[in-house]
Amino acid sequence: MTSMDERRDARTGPPLDVLALVGHDLLLVCDADGLISWANESAERTLGAHRFRPFSELVPPYAVSKAMRFLTEARQHQTDMWEMIFASDDDLLILALYGAPYDGGAVVAATRLPQGYLAMHQQLSTALNETATLHREAVRRSHELAATYAHLQEANKHLAEQARLEGVILAARELAHVLNNDLTVPVGLVDVLLEETDLPLRVATPLQAIAEGLESALQHIDQFRQVLRVSIKETPVGPALDLERSTQHDVRPA
């Protein structure tokens, strides 16, 4: 059985029937590792396709990935035409490539395309690169806009909460002022009556309950003055201000 090294050392080219299949002016053979094992004189002279040189070195760096994809496909089946740029004596050539399986690797045939076609290809590549750059910039701007929009939403939420809090505080101040005025006389009268020592028990007991109720009302009024936030609670008649939570300093939102 012939080894890979022996096949590389052999200077015979591929059979005529393989060359006829892909017959072109630039011909070379790559082994399974992508190394050139044979090339005709035109390919050696034009592309520098010398034996044992990697096929990937024949193309510019930006075309290496495409070149390796071409070889992979050519090792599997006869390919359609691939257009590829090659580096030749510090110049660029655009070639039409065909490939086909051969001896575990691939035979590659190439035909030069007009240099005007290269210019068009380079213009297209430039346009595609510019389009890709514009797309990346558009994506970046889109992300920035999305972040800005999120910040604006958050700021708007805080402004709405602040406006609601200010409304509650203003209403609480007015309510506390009005209720304090309304309760001044009843509270004073109850206090005076409770100071009487000869009140019957049937009067003193409910009067004490009234006094406690008024005291509780005054405490609630005082709480309204201490509102720090707007915490909402559900009631049978709908959402309402949770006075206890709204006046606590260290409390998480409900």
C-alpha atoms as a PDB file:
ATOM      1  CA  MET A   1       0.000   0.000   0.000  1.00  0.00           C
ATOM      2  CA  THR A   2       1.444   3.414  -0.999  1.00  0.00           C
ATOM      3  CA  SER A   3       1.960   5.850   1.898  1.00  0.00           C
ATOM      4  CA  MET A   4       0.969   9.532   1.854  1.00  0.00           C
ATOM      5  CA  ASP A   5       4.654  10.576   1.788  1.00  0.00           C
ATOM      6  CA  GLU A   6       5.274   8.329  -1.219  1.00  0.00           C
ATOM      7  CA  ARG A   7       2.317   9.869  -2.996  1.00  0.00           C
ATOM      8  CA  ARG A   8       3.644  13.350  -2.236  1.00  0.00           C
ATOM      9  CA  ASP A   9       7.088  12.413  -3.582  1.00  0.00           C
ATOM     10  CA  ALA A  10       5.615  11.095  -6.811  1.00  0.00           C
ATOM     11  CA  ARG A  11       5.841  13.726  -9.528  1.00  0.00           C
ATOM     12  CA  THR A  12       3.152  12.264 -11.731  1.00  0.00           C
ATOM     13  CA  GLY A  13      -0.015  14.330 -12.058  1.00  0.00           C
ATOM     14  CA  PRO A  14      -3.598  13.120 -11.865  1.00  0.00           C
ATOM     15  CA  PRO A  15      -4.923  10.841 -14.603  1.00  0.00           C
ATOM     16  CA  LEU A  16      -6.060  12.361 -17.875  1.00  0.00           C
ATOM     17  CA  ASP A  17      -9.695  11.480 -17.241  1.00  0.00           C
ATOM     18  CA  VAL A  18      -9.639  13.547 -14.003  1.00  0.00           C
ATOM     19  CA  LEU A  19      -7.962  16.452 -15.754  1.00  0.00           C
ATOM     20  CA  ALA A  20     -10.478  16.257 -18.562  1.00  0.00           C
ATOM     21  CA  LEU A  21     -13.244  16.454 -15.966  1.00  0.00           C
ATOM     22  CA  VAL A  22     -11.998  19.815 -14.713  1.00  0.00           C
ATOM     23  CA  GLY A  23      -9.664  20.800 -17.515  1.00  0.00           C
ATOM     24  CA  HIS A  24      -8.390  24.377 -17.139  1.00  0.00           C
ATOM     25  CA  ASP A  25      -5.093  26.201 -17.561  1.00  0.00           C
ATOM     26  CA  LEU A  26      -4.138  26.244 -13.848  1.00  0.00           C
ATOM     27  CA  LEU A  27      -4.155  22.774 -12.280  1.00  0.00           C
ATOM     28  CA  LEU A  28      -3.079  21.469  -8.892  1.00  0.00           C
ATOM     29  CA  VAL A  29      -3.753  18.625  -6.480  1.00  0.00           C
ATOM     30  CA  CYS A  30      -4.145  18.942  -2.697  1.00  0.00           C
ATOM     31  CA  ASP A  31      -3.908  16.041  -0.277  1.00  0.00           C
ATOM     32  CA  ALA A  32      -6.267  15.387   2.631  1.00  0.00           C
ATOM     33  CA  ASP A  33      -4.325  17.874   4.792  1.00  0.00           C
ATOM     34  CA  GLY A  34      -4.700  20.725   2.293  1.00  0.00           C
ATOM     35  CA  LEU A  35      -1.046  20.551   1.126  1.00  0.00           C
ATOM     36  CA  ILE A  36      -0.218  20.818  -2.577  1.00  0.00           C
ATOM     37  CA  SER A  37       1.078  17.464  -3.859  1.00  0.00           C
ATOM     38  CA  TRP A  38       1.223  18.343  -7.558  1.00  0.00           C
ATOM     39  CA  ALA A  39       0.764  21.414  -9.774  1.00  0.00           C
ATOM     40  CA  ASN A  40       1.230  22.057 -13.461  1.00  0.00           C
ATOM     41  CA  GLU A  41       3.813  24.584 -14.619  1.00  0.00           C
ATOM     42  CA  SER A  42       1.244  27.334 -15.127  1.00  0.00           C
ATOM     43  CA  ALA A  43      -0.058  27.006 -11.544  1.00  0.00           C
ATOM     44  CA  GLU A  44       3.486  26.942 -10.138  1.00  0.00           C
ATOM     45  CA  ARG A  45       4.514  30.005 -12.127  1.00  0.00           C
ATOM     46  CA  THR A  46       1.336  32.037 -11.648  1.00  0.00           C
ATOM     47  CA  LEU A  47       0.317  31.119  -8.103  1.00  0.00           C
ATOM     48  CA  GLY A  48       3.520  29.794  -6.559  1.00  0.00           C
ATOM     49  CA  ALA A  49       1.735  26.474  -6.082  1.00  0.00           C
ATOM     50  CA  HIS A  50       4.801  24.460  -5.105  1.00  0.00           C
ATOM     51  CA  ARG A  51       4.701  20.960  -3.645  1.00  0.00           C
ATOM     52  CA  PHE A  52       4.028  20.686   0.094  1.00  0.00           C
ATOM     53  CA  ARG A  53       2.869  24.305   0.268  1.00  0.00           C
ATOM     54  CA  PRO A  54      -0.514  24.751   2.008  1.00  0.00           C
ATOM     55  CA  PHE A  55      -3.277  25.703  -0.391  1.00  0.00           C
ATOM     56  CA  SER A  56      -4.375  28.329   2.138  1.00  0.00           C
ATOM     57  CA  GLU A  57      -1.113  30.262   1.564  1.00  0.00           C
ATOM     58  CA  LEU A  58      -2.096  30.971  -2.043  1.00  0.00           C
ATOM     59  CA  VAL A  59      -4.901  33.322  -1.022  1.00  0.00           C
ATOM     60  CA  PRO A  60      -4.962  36.557   1.040  1.00  0.00           C
ATOM     61  CA  PRO A  61      -5.649  36.141   4.775  1.00  0.00           C
ATOM     62  CA  TYR A  62      -9.257  37.269   4.467  1.00  0.00           C
ATOM     63  CA  ALA A  63      -9.962  34.487   1.924  1.00  0.00           C
ATOM     64  CA  VAL A  64      -8.410  31.582   3.875  1.00  0.00           C
ATOM     65  CA  SER A  65     -11.681  30.453   5.431  1.00  0.00           C
ATOM     66  CA  LYS A  66     -13.380  30.404   2.037  1.00  0.00           C
ATOM     67  CA  ALA A  67     -10.460  28.486   0.491  1.00  0.00           C
ATOM     68  CA  MET A  68     -10.671  25.772   3.153  1.00  0.00           C
ATOM     69  CA  ARG A  69     -14.438  25.471   2.669  1.00  0.00           C
ATOM     70  CA  PHE A  70     -13.826  25.010  -1.052  1.00  0.00           C
ATOM     71  CA  LEU A  71     -11.300  22.209  -0.444  1.00  0.00           C
ATOM     72  CA  THR A  72     -13.681  20.478   1.954  1.00  0.00           C
ATOM     73  CA  GLU A  73     -16.429  20.500  -0.646  1.00  0.00           C
ATOM     74  CA  ALA A  74     -14.069  19.441  -3.464  1.00  0.00           C
ATOM     75  CA  ARG A  75     -12.914  16.400  -1.445  1.00  0.00           C
ATOM     76  CA  GLN A  76     -16.546  15.284  -1.274  1.00  0.00           C
ATOM     77  CA  HIS A  77     -17.876  15.892  -4.785  1.00  0.00           C
ATOM     78  CA  GLN A  78     -17.327  17.793  -8.004  1.00  0.00           C
ATOM     79  CA  THR A  79     -18.034  21.444  -7.275  1.00  0.00           C
ATOM     80  CA  ASP A  80     -19.797  24.214  -9.095  1.00  0.00           C
ATOM     81  CA  MET A  81     -17.751  27.311  -9.915  1.00  0.00           C
ATOM     82  CA  TRP A  82     -16.272  29.217  -6.988  1.00  0.00           C
ATOM     83  CA  GLU A  83     -14.875  32.711  -7.437  1.00  0.00           C
ATOM     84  CA  MET A  84     -11.783  33.328  -5.331  1.00  0.00           C
ATOM     85  CA  ILE A  85      -9.026  35.926  -5.076  1.00  0.00           C
ATOM     86  CA  PHE A  86      -5.412  34.663  -5.131  1.00  0.00           C
ATOM     87  CA  ALA A  87      -2.200  36.491  -4.272  1.00  0.00           C
ATOM     88  CA  SER A  88       0.399  36.404  -7.038  1.00  0.00           C
ATOM     89  CA  ASP A  89       3.684  38.350  -6.883  1.00  0.00           C
ATOM     90  CA  ASP A  90       2.215  41.022  -4.603  1.00  0.00           C
ATOM     91  CA  ASP A  91      -0.731  41.282  -6.981  1.00  0.00           C
ATOM     92  CA  LEU A  92      -4.234  39.905  -6.815  1.00  0.00           C
ATOM     93  CA  LEU A  93      -5.910  37.604  -9.311  1.00  0.00           C
ATOM     94  CA  ILE A  94      -9.516  36.547  -9.351  1.00  0.00           C
ATOM     95  CA  LEU A  95      -9.991  32.977 -10.544  1.00  0.00           C
ATOM     96  CA  ALA A  96     -12.916  30.744 -11.334  1.00  0.00           C
ATOM     97  CA  LEU A  97     -12.294  27.505  -9.429  1.00  0.00           C
ATOM     98  CA  TYR A  98     -13.597  23.992  -9.917  1.00  0.00           C
ATOM     99  CA  GLY A  99     -12.750  21.005  -7.756  1.00  0.00           C
ATOM    100  CA  ALA A 100     -13.292  17.269  -7.626  1.00  0.00           C
ATOM    101  CA  PRO A 101     -12.277  14.393  -5.315  1.00  0.00           C
ATOM    102  CA  TYR A 102      -8.926  12.771  -6.052  1.00  0.00           C
ATOM    103  CA  ASP A 103      -6.854  10.240  -4.104  1.00  0.00           C
ATOM    104  CA  GLY A 104      -8.218  11.253  -0.679  1.00  0.00           C
ATOM    105  CA  GLY A 105      -7.752  14.920  -1.453  1.00  0.00           C
ATOM    106  CA  ALA A 106      -8.930  17.111  -4.305  1.00  0.00           C
ATOM    107  CA  VAL A 107      -7.880  18.197  -7.769  1.00  0.00           C
ATOM    108  CA  VAL A 108      -8.326  21.935  -8.348  1.00  0.00           C
ATOM    109  CA  ALA A 109      -8.633  23.664 -11.691  1.00  0.00           C
ATOM    110  CA  ALA A 110      -8.720  27.426 -12.182  1.00  0.00           C
ATOM    111  CA  THR A 111      -9.329  29.880 -14.986  1.00  0.00           C
ATOM    112  CA  ARG A 112      -8.443  33.553 -14.839  1.00  0.00           C
ATOM    113  CA  LEU A 113     -11.284  36.009 -14.909  1.00  0.00           C
ATOM    114  CA  PRO A 114     -10.841  39.465 -16.508  1.00  0.00           C
ATOM    115  CA  GLN A 115      -9.099  41.996 -14.273  1.00  0.00           C
ATOM    116  CA  GLY A 116     -12.100  44.268 -14.673  1.00  0.00           C
ATOM    117  CA  TYR A 117     -14.047  41.549 -12.945  1.00  0.00           C
ATOM    118  CA  LEU A 118     -11.551  41.738 -10.075  1.00  0.00           C
ATOM    119  CA  ALA A 119     -12.163  45.461  -9.757  1.00  0.00           C
ATOM    120  CA  MET A 120     -15.911  44.832  -9.661  1.00  0.00           C
ATOM    121  CA  HIS A 121     -15.371  42.098  -7.080  1.00  0.00           C
ATOM    122  CA  GLN A 122     -13.240  44.400  -4.938  1.00  0.00           C
ATOM    123  CA  GLN A 123     -15.841  47.159  -5.235  1.00  0.00           C
ATOM    124  CA  LEU A 124     -18.520  44.704  -4.191  1.00  0.00           C
ATOM    125  CA  SER A 125     -16.383  43.513  -1.269  1.00  0.00           C
ATOM    126  CA  THR A 126     -15.820  47.126  -0.224  1.00  0.00           C
ATOM    127  CA  ALA A 127     -19.528  47.840  -0.462  1.00  0.00           C
ATOM    128  CA  LEU A 128     -20.328  44.713   1.567  1.00  0.00           C
ATOM    129  CA  ASN A 129     -17.756  45.683   4.199  1.00  0.00           C
ATOM    130  CA  GLU A 130     -19.223  49.173   4.400  1.00  0.00           C
ATOM    131  CA  THR A 131     -22.705  47.693   4.659  1.00  0.00           C
ATOM    132  CA  ALA A 132     -21.540  45.372   7.440  1.00  0.00           C
ATOM    133  CA  THR A 133     -19.974  48.357   9.242  1.00  0.00           C
ATOM    134  CA  LEU A 134     -23.167  50.361   8.881  1.00  0.00           C
ATOM    135  CA  HIS A 135     -25.175  47.386  10.140  1.00  0.00           C
ATOM    136  CA  ARG A 136     -22.947  47.027  13.210  1.00  0.00           C
ATOM    137  CA  GLU A 137     -23.263  50.764  13.851  1.00  0.00           C
ATOM    138  CA  ALA A 138     -27.048  50.558  13.440  1.00  0.00           C
ATOM    139  CA  VAL A 139     -27.196  47.652  15.899  1.00  0.00           C
ATOM    140  CA  ARG A 140     -25.025  49.591  18.369  1.00  0.00           C
ATOM    141  CA  ARG A 141     -27.224  52.672  18.030  1.00  0.00           C
ATOM    142  CA  SER A 142     -30.319  50.486  18.425  1.00  0.00           C
ATOM    143  CA  HIS A 143     -28.952  49.087  21.685  1.00  0.00           C
ATOM    144  CA  GLU A 144     -28.116  52.597  22.885  1.00  0.00           C
ATOM    145  CA  LEU A 145     -31.632  53.788  22.028  1.00  0.00           C
ATOM    146  CA  ALA A 146     -33.141  50.798  23.817  1.00  0.00           C
ATOM    147  CA  ALA A 147     -31.041  51.544  26.912  1.00  0.00           C
ATOM    148  CA  THR A 148     -31.958  55.245  26.757  1.00  0.00           C
ATOM    149  CA  TYR A 149     -35.638  54.365  26.393  1.00  0.00           C
ATOM    150  CA  ALA A 150     -35.412  52.065  29.422  1.00  0.00           C
ATOM    151  CA  HIS A 151     -33.772  54.862  31.442  1.00  0.00           C
ATOM    152  CA  LEU A 152     -36.479  57.299  30.333  1.00  0.00           C
ATOM    153  CA  GLN A 153     -39.199  54.857  31.331  1.00  0.00           C
ATOM    154  CA  GLU A 154     -37.598  54.414  34.735  1.00  0.00           C
ATOM    155  CA  ALA A 155     -37.228  58.183  35.161  1.00  0.00           C
ATOM    156  CA  ASN A 156     -40.840  58.710  34.095  1.00  0.00           C
ATOM    157  CA  LYS A 157     -41.935  56.085  36.619  1.00  0.00           C
ATOM    158  CA  HIS A 158     -40.037  57.884  39.385  1.00  0.00           C
ATOM    159  CA  LEU A 159     -41.536  61.224  38.332  1.00  0.00           C
ATOM    160  CA  ALA A 160     -45.032  59.737  38.381  1.00  0.00           C
ATOM    161  CA  GLU A 161     -44.425  58.254  41.835  1.00  0.00           C
ATOM    162  CA  GLN A 162     -43.041  61.573  43.061  1.00  0.00           C
ATOM    163  CA  ALA A 163     -46.044  63.446  41.675  1.00  0.00           C
ATOM    164  CA  ARG A 164     -48.420  60.966  43.312  1.00  0.00           C
ATOM    165  CA  LEU A 165     -46.573  61.280  46.628  1.00  0.00           C
ATOM    166  CA  GLU A 166     -46.751  65.070  46.475  1.00  0.00           C
ATOM    167  CA  GLY A 167     -50.486  64.838  45.782  1.00  0.00           C
ATOM    168  CA  VAL A 168     -51.008  62.546  48.761  1.00  0.00           C
ATOM    169  CA  ILE A 169     -48.925  64.791  51.038  1.00  0.00           C
ATOM    170  CA  LEU A 170     -50.879  67.908  50.004  1.00  0.00           C
ATOM    171  CA  ALA A 171     -54.190  66.121  50.527  1.00  0.00           C
ATOM    172  CA  ALA A 172     -53.022  64.748  53.906  1.00  0.00           C
ATOM    173  CA  ARG A 173     -51.986  68.212  55.104  1.00  0.00           C
ATOM    174  CA  GLU A 174     -55.344  69.701  54.180  1.00  0.00           C
ATOM    175  CA  LEU A 175     -57.251  66.774  55.683  1.00  0.00           C
ATOM    176  CA  ALA A 176     -55.244  66.970  58.912  1.00  0.00           C
ATOM    177  CA  HIS A 177     -55.858  70.716  59.123  1.00  0.00           C
ATOM    178  CA  VAL A 178     -59.606  70.430  58.531  1.00  0.00           C
ATOM    179  CA  LEU A 179     -60.133  67.464  60.866  1.00  0.00           C
ATOM    180  CA  ASN A 180     -58.056  69.038  63.609  1.00  0.00           C
ATOM    181  CA  ASN A 181     -60.304  72.106  63.439  1.00  0.00           C
ATOM    182  CA  ASP A 182     -63.445  69.946  63.441  1.00  0.00           C
ATOM    183  CA  LEU A 183     -62.295  67.840  66.410  1.00  0.00           C
ATOM    184  CA  THR A 184     -60.976  70.612  68.604  1.00  0.00           C
ATOM    185  CA  VAL A 185     -64.352  71.355  70.249  1.00  0.00           C
ATOM    186  CA  PRO A 186     -65.498  67.686  70.697  1.00  0.00           C
ATOM    187  CA  VAL A 187     -62.144  66.690  72.187  1.00  0.00           C
ATOM    188  CA  GLY A 188     -62.130  69.654  74.520  1.00  0.00           C
ATOM    189  CA  LEU A 189     -65.687  69.007  75.734  1.00  0.00           C
ATOM    190  CA  VAL A 190     -65.013  65.317  76.349  1.00  0.00           C
ATOM    191  CA  ASP A 191     -61.892  66.163  78.355  1.00  0.00           C
ATOM    192  CA  VAL A 192     -63.890  68.635  80.468  1.00  0.00           C
ATOM    193  CA  LEU A 193     -66.652  66.112  81.113  1.00  0.00           C
ATOM    194  CA  LEU A 194     -64.176  63.367  82.080  1.00  0.00           C
ATOM    195  CA  GLU A 195     -62.793  65.653  84.760  1.00  0.00           C
ATOM    196  CA  GLU A 196     -66.166  65.607  86.515  1.00  0.00           C
ATOM    197  CA  THR A 197     -66.028  63.254  89.506  1.00  0.00           C
ATOM    198  CA  ASP A 198     -69.746  62.775  90.035  1.00  0.00           C
ATOM    199  CA  LEU A 199     -70.622  61.362  86.599  1.00  0.00           C
ATOM    200  CA  PRO A 200     -72.866  58.304  86.708  1.00  0.00           C
ATOM    201  CA  LEU A 201     -71.200  55.103  85.538  1.00  0.00           C
ATOM    202  CA  ARG A 202     -73.672  54.747  82.662  1.00  0.00           C
ATOM    203  CA  VAL A 203     -72.426  58.104  81.332  1.00  0.00           C
ATOM    204  CA  ALA A 204     -68.755  57.869  82.272  1.00  0.00           C
ATOM    205  CA  THR A 205     -68.199  54.520  80.501  1.00  0.00           C
ATOM    206  CA  PRO A 206     -69.410  55.532  77.008  1.00  0.00           C
ATOM    207  CA  LEU A 207     -67.764  58.934  77.457  1.00  0.00           C
ATOM    208  CA  GLN A 208     -64.426  57.204  78.053  1.00  0.00           C
ATOM    209  CA  ALA A 209     -64.943  55.158  74.854  1.00  0.00           C
ATOM    210  CA  ILE A 210     -65.660  58.382  72.947  1.00  0.00           C
ATOM    211  CA  ALA A 211     -62.466  59.912  74.314  1.00  0.00           C
ATOM    212  CA  GLU A 212     -60.423  56.894  73.208  1.00  0.00           C
ATOM    213  CA  GLY A 213     -61.989  56.997  69.730  1.00  0.00           C
ATOM    214  CA  LEU A 214     -61.175  60.677  69.366  1.00  0.00           C
ATOM    215  CA  GLU A 215     -57.595  60.030  70.505  1.00  0.00           C
ATOM    216  CA  SER A 216     -57.242  57.295  67.874  1.00  0.00           C
ATOM    217  CA  ALA A 217     -58.575  59.669  65.214  1.00  0.00           C
ATOM    218  CA  LEU A 218     -56.044  62.311  66.244  1.00  0.00           C
ATOM    219  CA  GLN A 219     -53.222  59.761  65.947  1.00  0.00           C
ATOM    220  CA  HIS A 220     -54.350  58.852  62.430  1.00  0.00           C
ATOM    221  CA  ILE A 221     -54.438  62.519  61.521  1.00  0.00           C
ATOM    222  CA  ASP A 222     -50.888  62.880  62.835  1.00  0.00           C
ATOM    223  CA  GLN A 223     -49.842  59.878  60.693  1.00  0.00           C
ATOM    224  CA  PHE A 224     -51.091  61.658  57.576  1.00  0.00           C
ATOM    225  CA  ARG A 225     -48.532  64.387  58.251  1.00  0.00           C
ATOM    226  CA  GLN A 226     -45.739  61.773  58.244  1.00  0.00           C
ATOM    227  CA  VAL A 227     -46.400  60.142  54.840  1.00  0.00           C
ATOM    228  CA  LEU A 228     -43.054  59.238  53.145  1.00  0.00           C
ATOM    229  CA  ARG A 229     -44.214  57.147  50.219  1.00  0.00           C
ATOM    230  CA  VAL A 230     -47.337  55.889  48.517  1.00  0.00           C
ATOM    231  CA  SER A 231     -48.012  52.283  49.491  1.00  0.00           C
ATOM    232  CA  ILE A 232     -51.270  50.850  48.236  1.00  0.00           C
ATOM    233  CA  LYS A 233     -53.442  48.167  49.807  1.00  0.00           C
ATOM    234  CA  GLU A 234     -56.540  46.440  48.497  1.00  0.00           C
ATOM    235  CA  THR A 235     -59.842  47.051  50.290  1.00  0.00           C
ATOM    236  CA  PRO A 236     -63.397  45.801  49.622  1.00  0.00           C
ATOM    237  CA  VAL A 237     -64.135  49.097  47.839  1.00  0.00           C
ATOM    238  CA  GLY A 238     -60.879  49.151  45.838  1.00  0.00           C
ATOM    239  CA  PRO A 239     -57.211  50.222  46.239  1.00  0.00           C
ATOM    240  CA  ALA A 240     -56.470  52.627  49.093  1.00  0.00           C
ATOM    241  CA  LEU A 241     -53.493  54.260  50.783  1.00  0.00           C
ATOM    242  CA  ASP A 242     -51.786  51.909  53.256  1.00  0.00           C
ATOM    243  CA  LEU A 243     -51.208  54.471  55.993  1.00  0.00           C
ATOM    244  CA  GLU A 244     -49.044  52.204  58.160  1.00  0.00           C
ATOM    245  CA  ARG A 245     -46.597  51.273  55.381  1.00  0.00           C
ATOM    246  CA  SER A 246     -46.635  54.771  53.886  1.00  0.00           C
ATOM    247  CA  THR A 247     -45.259  56.243  57.117  1.00  0.00           C
ATOM    248  CA  GLN A 248     -42.593  53.626  57.868  1.00  0.00           C
ATOM    249  CA  HIS A 249     -38.977  54.577  57.080  1.00  0.00           C
ATOM    250  CA  ASP A 250     -37.372  51.253  56.151  1.00  0.00           C
ATOM    251  CA  VAL A 251     -39.972  49.257  54.270  1.00  0.00           C
ATOM    252  CA  ARG A 252     -39.892  47.509  50.913  1.00  0.00           C
ATOM    253  CA  PRO A 253     -42.547  48.435  48.341  1.00  0.00           C
ATOM    254  CA  ALA A 254     -45.572  46.142  48.490  1.00  0.00           C
END
